[in-house]
N, C-alpha and C. Protein backbone atom coordinates (compact mmCIF):
# COMPACT_ATOMS: atom_id res chain seq x y z
N MET A 1 -275.15 140.15 -124.14
CA MET A 1 -274.27 139.08 -124.19
C MET A 1 -273.18 139.22 -122.83
N ALA A 2 -272.58 138.11 -122.59
CA ALA A 2 -271.65 138.27 -121.57
C ALA A 2 -270.27 138.51 -122.10
N ALA A 3 -269.47 139.46 -121.30
CA ALA A 3 -268.17 139.57 -121.86
C ALA A 3 -267.26 138.47 -121.28
N ILE A 4 -266.11 138.52 -122.15
CA ILE A 4 -265.13 137.48 -121.62
C ILE A 4 -263.90 138.11 -121.04
N GLU A 5 -263.66 137.75 -119.78
CA GLU A 5 -262.68 138.48 -119.05
C GLU A 5 -261.28 137.51 -119.36
N THR A 6 -260.27 138.18 -120.02
CA THR A 6 -259.06 137.42 -120.31
C THR A 6 -257.82 137.74 -119.36
N ASN A 7 -258.04 138.68 -118.42
CA ASN A 7 -256.87 138.89 -117.53
C ASN A 7 -256.92 137.95 -116.47
N ARG A 8 -255.69 137.34 -116.30
CA ARG A 8 -255.65 136.31 -115.34
C ARG A 8 -254.21 136.67 -114.54
N PRO A 9 -254.23 136.47 -113.29
CA PRO A 9 -253.07 136.54 -112.58
C PRO A 9 -252.01 135.56 -112.97
N ALA A 10 -250.63 136.07 -113.05
CA ALA A 10 -249.70 135.11 -113.45
C ALA A 10 -249.07 134.70 -112.00
N PHE A 11 -248.89 133.32 -112.04
CA PHE A 11 -248.19 132.73 -110.72
C PHE A 11 -246.85 132.06 -111.24
N GLY A 12 -245.92 132.88 -110.90
CA GLY A 12 -244.59 132.47 -111.47
C GLY A 12 -243.88 131.68 -110.44
N ALA A 13 -244.38 131.35 -109.22
CA ALA A 13 -243.69 130.63 -108.40
C ALA A 13 -243.73 129.14 -108.70
N THR A 14 -242.53 128.32 -108.56
CA THR A 14 -242.62 126.99 -109.15
C THR A 14 -242.93 125.92 -107.89
N GLY A 15 -243.11 126.49 -106.68
CA GLY A 15 -243.31 125.87 -105.44
C GLY A 15 -244.66 125.42 -105.29
N LEU A 16 -245.00 125.01 -104.08
CA LEU A 16 -246.41 124.61 -103.87
C LEU A 16 -247.47 125.71 -104.00
N THR A 17 -247.01 126.88 -103.36
CA THR A 17 -247.85 128.11 -103.47
C THR A 17 -248.20 128.36 -105.02
N GLY A 18 -247.14 128.42 -105.84
CA GLY A 18 -247.50 128.85 -107.42
C GLY A 18 -248.38 127.71 -107.91
N ARG A 19 -248.22 126.52 -107.69
CA ARG A 19 -249.17 125.33 -108.13
C ARG A 19 -250.40 125.54 -107.65
N ILE A 20 -250.73 125.85 -106.42
CA ILE A 20 -251.91 126.10 -105.94
C ILE A 20 -252.48 127.20 -106.47
N GLY A 21 -251.90 128.40 -106.67
CA GLY A 21 -252.31 129.62 -107.14
C GLY A 21 -252.82 129.29 -108.71
N ALA A 22 -252.01 128.55 -109.46
CA ALA A 22 -252.23 128.28 -110.68
C ALA A 22 -253.60 127.31 -110.76
N LEU A 23 -253.84 126.34 -110.01
CA LEU A 23 -254.94 125.65 -109.85
C LEU A 23 -256.28 126.39 -109.63
N LEU A 24 -256.03 127.37 -108.68
CA LEU A 24 -257.16 128.42 -108.28
C LEU A 24 -257.55 129.20 -109.54
N ALA A 25 -256.52 129.67 -110.20
CA ALA A 25 -256.88 130.49 -111.48
C ALA A 25 -257.53 129.58 -112.56
N GLN A 26 -257.00 128.31 -112.70
CA GLN A 26 -257.66 127.55 -113.66
C GLN A 26 -259.25 127.28 -113.20
N ALA A 27 -259.53 127.07 -111.77
CA ALA A 27 -260.97 126.65 -111.49
C ALA A 27 -261.62 128.10 -111.60
N GLU A 28 -261.05 129.19 -111.37
CA GLU A 28 -261.85 130.54 -111.51
C GLU A 28 -262.18 130.58 -113.08
N ALA A 29 -261.28 130.39 -114.01
CA ALA A 29 -261.49 130.67 -115.31
C ALA A 29 -262.60 129.59 -115.95
N ALA A 30 -262.58 128.25 -115.34
CA ALA A 30 -263.67 127.29 -115.57
C ALA A 30 -264.98 127.65 -115.17
N VAL A 31 -265.10 128.49 -114.05
CA VAL A 31 -266.45 128.87 -113.62
C VAL A 31 -266.96 130.04 -114.31
N ALA A 32 -266.03 130.78 -114.72
CA ALA A 32 -266.27 131.92 -115.50
C ALA A 32 -266.76 131.65 -116.87
N ALA A 33 -266.14 130.70 -117.56
CA ALA A 33 -266.51 130.12 -118.82
C ALA A 33 -267.94 129.45 -118.74
N TRP A 34 -268.08 128.79 -117.74
CA TRP A 34 -269.55 128.04 -117.48
C TRP A 34 -270.39 129.22 -117.27
N SER A 35 -270.23 130.19 -116.56
CA SER A 35 -271.21 131.06 -116.27
C SER A 35 -271.48 131.97 -117.56
N ASP A 36 -270.42 132.28 -118.45
CA ASP A 36 -270.71 132.96 -119.72
C ASP A 36 -271.54 132.15 -120.76
N THR A 37 -271.30 130.80 -120.64
CA THR A 37 -272.15 129.95 -121.39
C THR A 37 -273.52 129.82 -121.04
N ARG A 38 -273.76 129.94 -119.73
CA ARG A 38 -275.03 129.82 -119.21
C ARG A 38 -275.77 131.14 -119.46
N ALA A 39 -275.21 132.28 -119.39
CA ALA A 39 -275.87 133.53 -119.63
C ALA A 39 -276.14 133.56 -121.11
N THR A 40 -275.20 133.19 -122.06
CA THR A 40 -275.52 133.30 -123.53
C THR A 40 -276.58 132.30 -123.80
N ARG A 41 -276.60 131.07 -123.38
CA ARG A 41 -277.70 130.22 -123.65
C ARG A 41 -279.08 130.63 -123.22
N LYS A 42 -279.18 131.44 -121.99
CA LYS A 42 -280.33 131.91 -121.40
C LYS A 42 -280.86 133.03 -122.26
N ALA A 43 -279.69 133.88 -122.82
CA ALA A 43 -280.22 135.03 -123.64
C ALA A 43 -280.72 134.50 -125.16
N LEU A 44 -280.12 133.56 -125.59
CA LEU A 44 -280.56 133.00 -126.77
C LEU A 44 -281.82 132.27 -126.78
N SER A 45 -282.12 131.66 -125.61
CA SER A 45 -283.33 131.08 -125.36
C SER A 45 -284.44 131.91 -125.47
N GLY A 46 -284.42 133.12 -125.37
CA GLY A 46 -285.48 134.22 -125.17
C GLY A 46 -285.79 134.52 -126.60
N LEU A 47 -285.00 134.17 -127.70
CA LEU A 47 -285.15 134.55 -129.12
C LEU A 47 -286.34 133.62 -129.74
N THR A 48 -286.95 134.23 -130.54
CA THR A 48 -287.89 133.33 -131.43
C THR A 48 -287.14 132.58 -132.49
N GLU A 49 -287.93 131.62 -133.02
CA GLU A 49 -287.39 130.71 -133.99
C GLU A 49 -286.91 131.50 -135.26
N ARG A 50 -287.54 132.50 -135.78
CA ARG A 50 -287.14 133.27 -136.70
C ARG A 50 -285.91 134.23 -136.46
N GLU A 51 -285.85 134.75 -135.15
CA GLU A 51 -284.62 135.48 -134.76
C GLU A 51 -283.38 134.49 -134.72
N LEU A 52 -283.51 133.28 -134.20
CA LEU A 52 -282.49 132.58 -134.20
C LEU A 52 -282.05 131.99 -135.67
N ASN A 53 -282.96 131.75 -136.48
CA ASN A 53 -282.57 131.70 -137.95
C ASN A 53 -281.82 132.64 -138.61
N ASP A 54 -282.29 133.95 -138.19
CA ASP A 54 -281.41 134.84 -138.89
C ASP A 54 -279.94 134.99 -138.46
N ILE A 55 -279.75 134.41 -137.18
CA ILE A 55 -278.29 134.48 -136.86
C ILE A 55 -277.66 133.03 -137.21
N GLY A 56 -278.33 132.16 -137.73
CA GLY A 56 -277.92 130.92 -138.36
C GLY A 56 -277.98 129.87 -137.19
N LEU A 57 -278.78 129.83 -136.22
CA LEU A 57 -278.91 128.89 -135.19
C LEU A 57 -280.24 128.35 -135.01
N THR A 58 -280.28 127.21 -134.56
CA THR A 58 -281.56 126.49 -134.13
C THR A 58 -281.92 126.05 -132.62
N ARG A 59 -282.83 125.70 -132.13
CA ARG A 59 -282.93 125.32 -130.96
C ARG A 59 -281.97 124.22 -130.51
N ASP A 60 -281.79 123.20 -131.45
CA ASP A 60 -280.85 122.28 -131.23
C ASP A 60 -279.46 122.67 -131.06
N ASP A 61 -279.10 123.82 -131.54
CA ASP A 61 -277.67 124.45 -131.38
C ASP A 61 -277.58 124.87 -130.03
N LEU A 62 -278.61 125.28 -129.36
CA LEU A 62 -278.59 125.85 -128.05
C LEU A 62 -278.37 124.71 -126.93
N GLN A 63 -279.05 123.54 -127.37
CA GLN A 63 -278.84 122.34 -126.50
C GLN A 63 -277.33 121.88 -126.66
N ALA A 64 -276.69 122.10 -127.67
CA ALA A 64 -275.34 121.64 -127.99
C ALA A 64 -274.34 122.37 -127.17
N MET A 65 -274.73 123.56 -126.83
CA MET A 65 -273.91 124.62 -126.17
C MET A 65 -273.28 123.97 -124.75
């Protein structure tokens, strides 16, 4: 499974530089979340129906991710 990275730089500047930094940090977090979801979906897609059932999931649940 993919690990979640929770360390993000803190941009304390209130000016344009701080806002741009915060925007870039948000974009990076969104890409990381998308990548984690994709990796999780790919790993779960390799499981059999029985294995998915054992962990309480169905193929439809994977589509909803």
